[in-house]
PDB file of N, CA and C in Angstrom:
ATOM      1  N   UNK A   1     168.675  93.200 109.674  1.00  0.00           N
ATOM      2  CA  UNK A   1     169.346  92.501 109.318  1.00  0.00           C
ATOM      3  C   UNK A   1     169.676  92.249 107.932  1.00  0.00           C
ATOM      4  N   UNK A   2     170.829  92.055 107.934  1.00  0.00           N
ATOM      5  CA  UNK A   2     172.104  92.094 106.763  1.00  0.00           C
ATOM      6  C   UNK A   2     171.149  92.644 105.251  1.00  0.00           C
ATOM      7  N   UNK A   3     171.797  92.699 104.357  1.00  0.00           N
ATOM      8  CA  UNK A   3     171.938  93.199 103.077  1.00  0.00           C
ATOM      9  C   UNK A   3     170.998  91.867 102.057  1.00  0.00           C
ATOM     10  N   UNK A   4     172.184  90.714 102.731  1.00  0.00           N
ATOM     11  CA  UNK A   4     171.942  89.008 102.001  1.00  0.00           C
ATOM     12  C   UNK A   4     170.834  88.866 102.627  1.00  0.00           C
ATOM     13  N   UNK A   5     170.181  88.239 103.726  1.00  0.00           N
ATOM     14  CA  UNK A   5     169.557  87.944 103.742  1.00  0.00           C
ATOM     15  C   UNK A   5     168.028  88.771 103.493  1.00  0.00           C
ATOM     16  N   UNK A   6     168.498  89.761 103.420  1.00  0.00           N
ATOM     17  CA  UNK A   6     167.260  91.121 102.642  1.00  0.00           C
ATOM     18  C   UNK A   6     166.999  90.187 101.493  1.00  0.00           C
ATOM     19  N   UNK A   7     168.282  90.510 100.698  1.00  0.00           N
ATOM     20  CA  UNK A   7     168.485  90.254  99.713  1.00  0.00           C
ATOM     21  C   UNK A   7     167.417  88.837  99.076  1.00  0.00           C
ATOM     22  N   UNK A   8     168.404  87.628  99.841  1.00  0.00           N
ATOM     23  CA  UNK A   8     167.938  85.676  99.256  1.00  0.00           C
ATOM     24  C   UNK A   8     165.915  86.363  99.886  1.00  0.00           C
ATOM     25  N   UNK A   9     165.512  87.440 100.493  1.00  0.00           N
ATOM     26  CA  UNK A   9     163.692  86.926 100.759  1.00  0.00           C
ATOM     27  C   UNK A   9     163.660  88.186  99.338  1.00  0.00           C
ATOM     28  N   UNK A  10     163.904  88.840  99.138  1.00  0.00           N
ATOM     29  CA  UNK A  10     163.718  89.731  97.939  1.00  0.00           C
ATOM     30  C   UNK A  10     163.264  87.949  96.464  1.00  0.00           C
ATOM     31  N   UNK A  11     164.663  88.075  96.431  1.00  0.00           N
ATOM     32  CA  UNK A  11     164.563  86.388  94.681  1.00  0.00           C
ATOM     33  C   UNK A  11     163.551  85.630  95.595  1.00  0.00           C
ATOM     34  N   UNK A  12     163.757  85.151  96.854  1.00  0.00           N
ATOM     35  CA  UNK A  12     162.274  83.789  96.874  1.00  0.00           C
ATOM     36  C   UNK A  12     161.162  84.633  96.276  1.00  0.00           C
ATOM     37  N   UNK A  13     160.661  86.150  97.055  1.00  0.00           N
ATOM     38  CA  UNK A  13     159.024  86.632  96.766  1.00  0.00           C
ATOM     39  C   UNK A  13     159.457  86.369  95.551  1.00  0.00           C
ATOM     40  N   UNK A  14     160.258  87.221  94.526  1.00  0.00           N
ATOM     41  CA  UNK A  14     160.099  87.444  93.210  1.00  0.00           C
ATOM     42  C   UNK A  14     160.147  86.020  92.210  1.00  0.00           C
ATOM     43  N   UNK A  15     160.585  84.533  92.731  1.00  0.00           N
ATOM     44  CA  UNK A  15     160.613  83.778  92.271  1.00  0.00           C
ATOM     45  C   UNK A  15     159.124  82.801  92.328  1.00  0.00           C
ATOM     46  N   UNK A  16     158.487  83.593  93.114  1.00  0.00           N
ATOM     47  CA  UNK A  16     156.903  82.718  94.089  1.00  0.00           C
ATOM     48  C   UNK A  16     156.246  83.807  93.141  1.00  0.00           C
ATOM     49  N   UNK A  17     156.394  84.784  93.167  1.00  0.00           N
ATOM     50  CA  UNK A  17     155.457  85.899  91.914  1.00  0.00           C
ATOM     51  C   UNK A  17     156.175  85.186  90.728  1.00  0.00           C
ATOM     52  N   UNK A  18     156.697  84.911  90.015  1.00  0.00           N
ATOM     53  CA  UNK A  18     157.222  85.194  88.715  1.00  0.00           C
ATOM     54  C   UNK A  18     156.279  83.489  88.306  1.00  0.00           C
ATOM     55  N   UNK A  19     156.612  82.567  89.357  1.00  0.00           N
ATOM     56  CA  UNK A  19     155.633  80.848  89.120  1.00  0.00           C
ATOM     57  C   UNK A  19     154.526  80.898  89.063  1.00  0.00           C
ATOM     58  N   UNK A  20     153.692  82.311  90.504  1.00  0.00           N
ATOM     59  CA  UNK A  20     152.496  81.733  89.702  1.00  0.00           C
ATOM     60  C   UNK A  20     151.740  82.170  88.756  1.00  0.00           C
ATOM     61  N   UNK A  21     152.344  83.607  88.431  1.00  0.00           N
ATOM     62  CA  UNK A  21     152.018  83.739  87.457  1.00  0.00           C
ATOM     63  C   UNK A  21     152.506  83.412  85.492  1.00  0.00           C
ATOM     64  N   UNK A  22     153.488  82.502  86.067  1.00  0.00           N
ATOM     65  CA  UNK A  22     153.404  81.456  84.851  1.00  0.00           C
ATOM     66  C   UNK A  22     152.468  80.469  85.408  1.00  0.00           C
ATOM     67  N   UNK A  23     152.317  80.538  86.507  1.00  0.00           N
ATOM     68  CA  UNK A  23     151.081  79.208  85.902  1.00  0.00           C
ATOM     69  C   UNK A  23     149.529  79.254  85.753  1.00  0.00           C
ATOM     70  N   UNK A  24     149.246  80.725  85.786  1.00  0.00           N
ATOM     71  CA  UNK A  24     147.740  81.517  85.771  1.00  0.00           C
ATOM     72  C   UNK A  24     148.217  82.213  84.611  1.00  0.00           C
ATOM     73  N   UNK A  25     149.012  82.400  83.516  1.00  0.00           N
ATOM     74  CA  UNK A  25     148.462  82.878  82.265  1.00  0.00           C
ATOM     75  C   UNK A  25     148.385  81.139  81.378  1.00  0.00           C
ATOM     76  N   UNK A  26     149.813  80.131  81.958  1.00  0.00           N
ATOM     77  CA  UNK A  26     149.585  78.957  81.524  1.00  0.00           C
ATOM     78  C   UNK A  26     147.725  77.817  81.616  1.00  0.00           C
ATOM     79  N   UNK A  27     147.680  78.024  82.568  1.00  0.00           N
ATOM     80  CA  UNK A  27     145.677  77.358  82.975  1.00  0.00           C
ATOM     81  C   UNK A  27     145.193  78.253  82.156  1.00  0.00           C
ATOM     82  N   UNK A  28     144.965  80.146  82.095  1.00  0.00           N
ATOM     83  CA  UNK A  28     144.332  80.805  81.220  1.00  0.00           C
ATOM     84  C   UNK A  28     144.393  79.921  79.319  1.00  0.00           C
ATOM     85  N   UNK A  29     146.050  79.680  78.985  1.00  0.00           N
ATOM     86  CA  UNK A  29     146.272  79.230  77.603  1.00  0.00           C
ATOM     87  C   UNK A  29     145.708  78.075  77.684  1.00  0.00           C
ATOM     88  N   UNK A  30     145.284  77.165  78.573  1.00  0.00           N
ATOM     89  CA  UNK A  30     145.011  75.728  78.321  1.00  0.00           C
ATOM     90  C   UNK A  30     143.929  76.472  77.926  1.00  0.00           C
ATOM     91  N   UNK A  31     142.901  76.793  78.983  1.00  0.00           N
ATOM     92  CA  UNK A  31     141.241  76.981  78.724  1.00  0.00           C
ATOM     93  C   UNK A  31     141.079  77.895  78.011  1.00  0.00           C
ATOM     94  N   UNK A  32     141.843  78.344  77.504  1.00  0.00           N
ATOM     95  CA  UNK A  32     141.217  79.117  75.826  1.00  0.00           C
ATOM     96  C   UNK A  32     141.395  78.155  74.705  1.00  0.00           C
ATOM     97  N   UNK A  33     142.103  77.615  75.009  1.00  0.00           N
ATOM     98  CA  UNK A  33     142.178  76.484  74.020  1.00  0.00           C
ATOM     99  C   UNK A  33     141.619  75.340  74.096  1.00  0.00           C
ATOM    100  N   UNK A  34     141.209  74.667  75.366  1.00  0.00           N
ATOM    101  CA  UNK A  34     140.406  73.676  75.508  1.00  0.00           C
ATOM    102  C   UNK A  34     138.572  74.219  75.130  1.00  0.00           C
ATOM    103  N   UNK A  35     138.315  75.458  75.230  1.00  0.00           N
ATOM    104  CA  UNK A  35     136.994  75.605  74.891  1.00  0.00           C
ATOM    105  C   UNK A  35     137.171  76.432  73.688  1.00  0.00           C
ATOM    106  N   UNK A  36     138.034  76.647  72.992  1.00  0.00           N
ATOM    107  CA  UNK A  36     137.889  77.351  71.645  1.00  0.00           C
ATOM    108  C   UNK A  36     137.490  75.547  70.492  1.00  0.00           C
ATOM    109  N   UNK A  37     138.320  74.532  70.542  1.00  0.00           N
ATOM    110  CA  UNK A  37     138.197  73.362  70.321  1.00  0.00           C
ATOM    111  C   UNK A  37     136.651  72.734  70.649  1.00  0.00           C
ATOM    112  N   UNK A  38     136.152  72.836  72.113  1.00  0.00           N
ATOM    113  CA  UNK A  38     134.957  72.476  72.889  1.00  0.00           C
ATOM    114  C   UNK A  38     133.843  73.079  71.388  1.00  0.00           C
ATOM    115  N   UNK A  39     134.165  74.825  71.258  1.00  0.00           N
ATOM    116  CA  UNK A  39     133.443  74.805  70.918  1.00  0.00           C
ATOM    117  C   UNK A  39     132.897  74.794  69.509  1.00  0.00           C
ATOM    118  N   UNK A  40     134.170  74.617  68.471  1.00  0.00           N
ATOM    119  CA  UNK A  40     133.973  74.463  67.020  1.00  0.00           C
ATOM    120  C   UNK A  40     133.406  73.188  67.142  1.00  0.00           C
ATOM    121  N   UNK A  41     133.228  72.396  67.992  1.00  0.00           N
ATOM    122  CA  UNK A  41     133.373  70.558  68.034  1.00  0.00           C
ATOM    123  C   UNK A  41     131.376  70.721  68.218  1.00  0.00           C
ATOM    124  N   UNK A  42     131.510  71.047  69.071  1.00  0.00           N
ATOM    125  CA  UNK A  42     129.612  71.680  69.300  1.00  0.00           C
ATOM    126  C   UNK A  42     129.027  72.486  68.990  1.00  0.00           C
ATOM    127  N   UNK A  43     129.449  73.484  68.080  1.00  0.00           N
ATOM    128  CA  UNK A  43     128.955  74.271  67.721  1.00  0.00           C
ATOM    129  C   UNK A  43     127.778  75.268  67.682  1.00  0.00           C
ATOM    130  N   UNK A  44     126.874  76.269  66.802  1.00  0.00           N
ATOM    131  CA  UNK A  44     126.083  76.989  68.670  1.00  0.00           C
ATOM    132  C   UNK A  44     124.936  76.113  68.347  1.00  0.00           C
ATOM    133  N   UNK A  45     124.822  75.385  68.486  1.00  0.00           N
ATOM    134  CA  UNK A  45     124.071  74.837  69.236  1.00  0.00           C
ATOM    135  C   UNK A  45     124.367  74.306  70.514  1.00  0.00           C
ATOM    136  N   UNK A  46     124.932  74.148  70.881  1.00  0.00           N
ATOM    137  CA  UNK A  46     125.608  73.586  72.211  1.00  0.00           C
ATOM    138  C   UNK A  46     126.813  74.527  73.281  1.00  0.00           C
ATOM    139  N   UNK A  47     126.661  75.759  71.986  1.00  0.00           N
ATOM    140  CA  UNK A  47     127.506  76.553  73.174  1.00  0.00           C
ATOM    141  C   UNK A  47     126.841  77.121  74.514  1.00  0.00           C
ATOM    142  N   UNK A  48     126.106  77.443  74.837  1.00  0.00           N
ATOM    143  CA  UNK A  48     124.933  77.333  75.986  1.00  0.00           C
ATOM    144  C   UNK A  48     125.728  76.550  77.160  1.00  0.00           C
ATOM    145  N   UNK A  49     126.034  75.195  77.069  1.00  0.00           N
ATOM    146  CA  UNK A  49     125.566  73.905  77.304  1.00  0.00           C
ATOM    147  C   UNK A  49     127.222  74.144  77.679  1.00  0.00           C
ATOM    148  N   UNK A  50     127.852  74.582  76.884  1.00  0.00           N
ATOM    149  CA  UNK A  50     129.930  74.525  76.791  1.00  0.00           C
ATOM    150  C   UNK A  50     130.309  76.085  77.891  1.00  0.00           C
ATOM    151  N   UNK A  51     129.617  76.610  77.934  1.00  0.00           N
ATOM    152  CA  UNK A  51     129.651  77.477  79.058  1.00  0.00           C
ATOM    153  C   UNK A  51     129.450  77.335  80.702  1.00  0.00           C
ATOM    154  N   UNK A  52     128.677  76.753  80.475  1.00  0.00           N
ATOM    155  CA  UNK A  52     128.048  76.207  82.104  1.00  0.00           C
ATOM    156  C   UNK A  52     129.089  74.908  82.274  1.00  0.00           C
ATOM    157  N   UNK A  53     129.496  74.329  81.073  1.00  0.00           N
ATOM    158  CA  UNK A  53     130.130  73.461  81.762  1.00  0.00           C
ATOM    159  C   UNK A  53     131.701  73.833  82.548  1.00  0.00           C
ATOM    160  N   UNK A  54     131.905  74.623  81.263  1.00  0.00           N
ATOM    161  CA  UNK A  54     133.334  75.559  81.737  1.00  0.00           C
ATOM    162  C   UNK A  54     133.336  76.541  83.046  1.00  0.00           C
ATOM    163  N   UNK A  55     132.679  76.566  83.431  1.00  0.00           N
ATOM    164  CA  UNK A  55     132.459  77.695  84.330  1.00  0.00           C
ATOM    165  C   UNK A  55     132.390  77.213  85.651  1.00  0.00           C
ATOM    166  N   UNK A  56     131.868  76.241  85.778  1.00  0.00           N
ATOM    167  CA  UNK A  56     132.525  76.104  86.920  1.00  0.00           C
ATOM    168  C   UNK A  56     133.715  75.700  87.551  1.00  0.00           C
ATOM    169  N   UNK A  57     134.135  74.725  86.518  1.00  0.00           N
ATOM    170  CA  UNK A  57     135.613  74.519  87.141  1.00  0.00           C
ATOM    171  C   UNK A  57     136.654  76.109  87.325  1.00  0.00           C
ATOM    172  N   UNK A  58     136.693  76.948  86.171  1.00  0.00           N
ATOM    173  CA  UNK A  58     137.323  78.610  86.102  1.00  0.00           C
ATOM    174  C   UNK A  58     136.530  78.981  88.081  1.00  0.00           C
ATOM    175  N   UNK A  59     135.511  78.635  88.262  1.00  0.00           N
ATOM    176  CA  UNK A  59     135.432  79.304  89.375  1.00  0.00           C
ATOM    177  C   UNK A  59     135.815  78.847  90.902  1.00  0.00           C
ATOM    178  N   UNK A  60     136.487  77.391  90.767  1.00  0.00           N
ATOM    179  CA  UNK A  60     136.953  76.558  91.420  1.00  0.00           C
ATOM    180  C   UNK A  60     137.731  77.740  91.700  1.00  0.00           C
ATOM    181  N   UNK A  61     138.221  77.342  89.891  1.00  0.00           N
ATOM    182  CA  UNK A  61     139.842  76.992  89.758  1.00  0.00           C
ATOM    183  C   UNK A  61     140.463  78.762  90.641  1.00  0.00           C
ATOM    184  N   UNK A  62     139.524  79.588  91.018  1.00  0.00           N
ATOM    185  CA  UNK A  62     139.939  81.103  91.218  1.00  0.00           C
ATOM    186  C   UNK A  62     139.500  81.180  92.106  1.00  0.00           C
ATOM    187  N   UNK A  63     138.431  80.924  93.165  1.00  0.00           N
ATOM    188  CA  UNK A  63     138.673  80.763  94.567  1.00  0.00           C
ATOM    189  C   UNK A  63     139.435  79.576  94.682  1.00  0.00           C
ATOM    190  N   UNK A  64     140.211  79.020  94.416  1.00  0.00           N
ATOM    191  CA  UNK A  64     141.588  77.727  94.953  1.00  0.00           C
ATOM    192  C   UNK A  64     142.832  78.919  95.224  1.00  0.00           C
ATOM    193  N   UNK A  65     142.751  79.511  93.856  1.00  0.00           N
ATOM    194  CA  UNK A  65     143.965  80.654  93.523  1.00  0.00           C
ATOM    195  C   UNK A  65     143.709  81.801  94.313  1.00  0.00           C
ATOM    196  N   UNK A  66     142.508  82.325  95.756  1.00  0.00           N
ATOM    197  CA  UNK A  66     142.673  83.355  95.980  1.00  0.00           C
ATOM    198  C   UNK A  66     143.542  83.362  97.791  1.00  0.00           C
ATOM    199  N   UNK A  67     144.336  84.351  97.572  1.00  0.00           N
ATOM    200  CA  UNK A  67     145.576  84.595  98.313  1.00  0.00           C
ATOM    201  C   UNK A  67     146.733  83.061  98.628  1.00  0.00           C
ATOM    202  N   UNK A  68     146.820  83.292  97.572  1.00  0.00           N
ATOM    203  CA  UNK A  68     147.940  82.446  96.555  1.00  0.00           C
ATOM    204  C   UNK A  68     149.286  83.145  96.874  1.00  0.00           C
ATOM    205  N   UNK A  69     148.991  84.497  96.304  1.00  0.00           N
ATOM    206  CA  UNK A  69     150.109  84.769  96.182  1.00  0.00           C
ATOM    207  C   UNK A  69     150.530  85.729  97.686  1.00  0.00           C
ATOM    208  N   UNK A  70     149.888  86.045  98.731  1.00  0.00           N
ATOM    209  CA  UNK A  70     149.745  86.783  99.718  1.00  0.00           C
ATOM    210  C   UNK A  70     150.430  85.847 100.855  1.00  0.00           C
ATOM    211  N   UNK A  71     150.106  83.840 100.394  1.00  0.00           N
ATOM    212  CA  UNK A  71     150.494  83.177 101.350  1.00  0.00           C
ATOM    213  C   UNK A  71     152.105  82.526 100.841  1.00  0.00           C
ATOM    214  N   UNK A  72     152.012  82.879  99.225  1.00  0.00           N
ATOM    215  CA  UNK A  72     153.466  82.516  99.470  1.00  0.00           C
ATOM    216  C   UNK A  72     154.718  83.833  99.564  1.00  0.00           C
ATOM    217  N   UNK A  73     153.832  84.700  99.076  1.00  0.00           N
ATOM    218  CA  UNK A  73     155.314  86.177 100.075  1.00  0.00           C
ATOM    219  C   UNK A  73     155.291  85.568 101.511  1.00  0.00           C
ATOM    220  N   UNK A  74     154.233  85.644 102.193  1.00  0.00           N
ATOM    221  CA  UNK A  74     154.674  85.686 103.369  1.00  0.00           C
ATOM    222  C   UNK A  74     155.910  84.044 104.134  1.00  0.00           C
ATOM    223  N   UNK A  75     155.121  83.514 103.275  1.00  0.00           N
ATOM    224  CA  UNK A  75     156.139  81.517 103.757  1.00  0.00           C
ATOM    225  C   UNK A  75     157.699  82.123 103.393  1.00  0.00           C
ATOM    226  N   UNK A  76     157.659  82.839 102.584  1.00  0.00           N
ATOM    227  CA  UNK A  76     158.881  83.259 101.930  1.00  0.00           C
ATOM    228  C   UNK A  76     159.446  83.962 102.569  1.00  0.00           C
ATOM    229  N   UNK A  77     159.017  85.325 103.257  1.00  0.00           N
ATOM    230  CA  UNK A  77     159.296  86.483 104.649  1.00  0.00           C
ATOM    231  C   UNK A  77     159.403  85.594 105.989  1.00  0.00           C
ATOM    232  N   UNK A  78     158.789  84.383 106.195  1.00  0.00           N
ATOM    233  CA  UNK A  78     158.877  84.317 107.355  1.00  0.00           C
ATOM    234  C   UNK A  78     160.178  82.639 107.317  1.00  0.00           C
ATOM    235  N   UNK A  79     160.377  82.265 106.152  1.00  0.00           N
ATOM    236  CA  UNK A  79     160.614  81.132 106.318  1.00  0.00           C
ATOM    237  C   UNK A  79     162.083  82.096 104.747  1.00  0.00           C
ATOM    238  N   UNK A  80     162.947  82.680 104.621  1.00  0.00           N
ATOM    239  CA  UNK A  80     163.678  82.846 104.537  1.00  0.00           C
ATOM    240  C   UNK A  80     165.045  81.545 103.001  1.00  0.00           C
ATOM    241  N   UNK A  81     164.993  80.978 104.310  1.00  0.00           N
ATOM    242  CA  UNK A  81     166.134  80.067 103.377  1.00  0.00           C
ATOM    243  C   UNK A  81     165.692  78.640 103.372  1.00  0.00           C
ATOM    244  N   UNK A  82     164.800  78.549 103.200  1.00  0.00           N
ATOM    245  CA  UNK A  82     163.504  77.148 102.719  1.00  0.00           C
ATOM    246  C   UNK A  82     163.008  77.404 101.383  1.00  0.00           C
TER     247      UNK A  82
END
């Protein structure tokens, strides 16, 4: 393998990792903002329901995100020109 090919693969992997990291932080921030707003709107009586309602989509999102980093790295390594 040439040095430019290895450098191109490293840049692709870095770009995929940075994109994944930004998306995770953005989703976390959106979840934090919406949960704070909903908790203030519901008050103390509705916080248990809030937790139950918001944890199910979070769980689905976490399960959907498992392996995405490895998949991005594999795709970048397998097809460096893509």
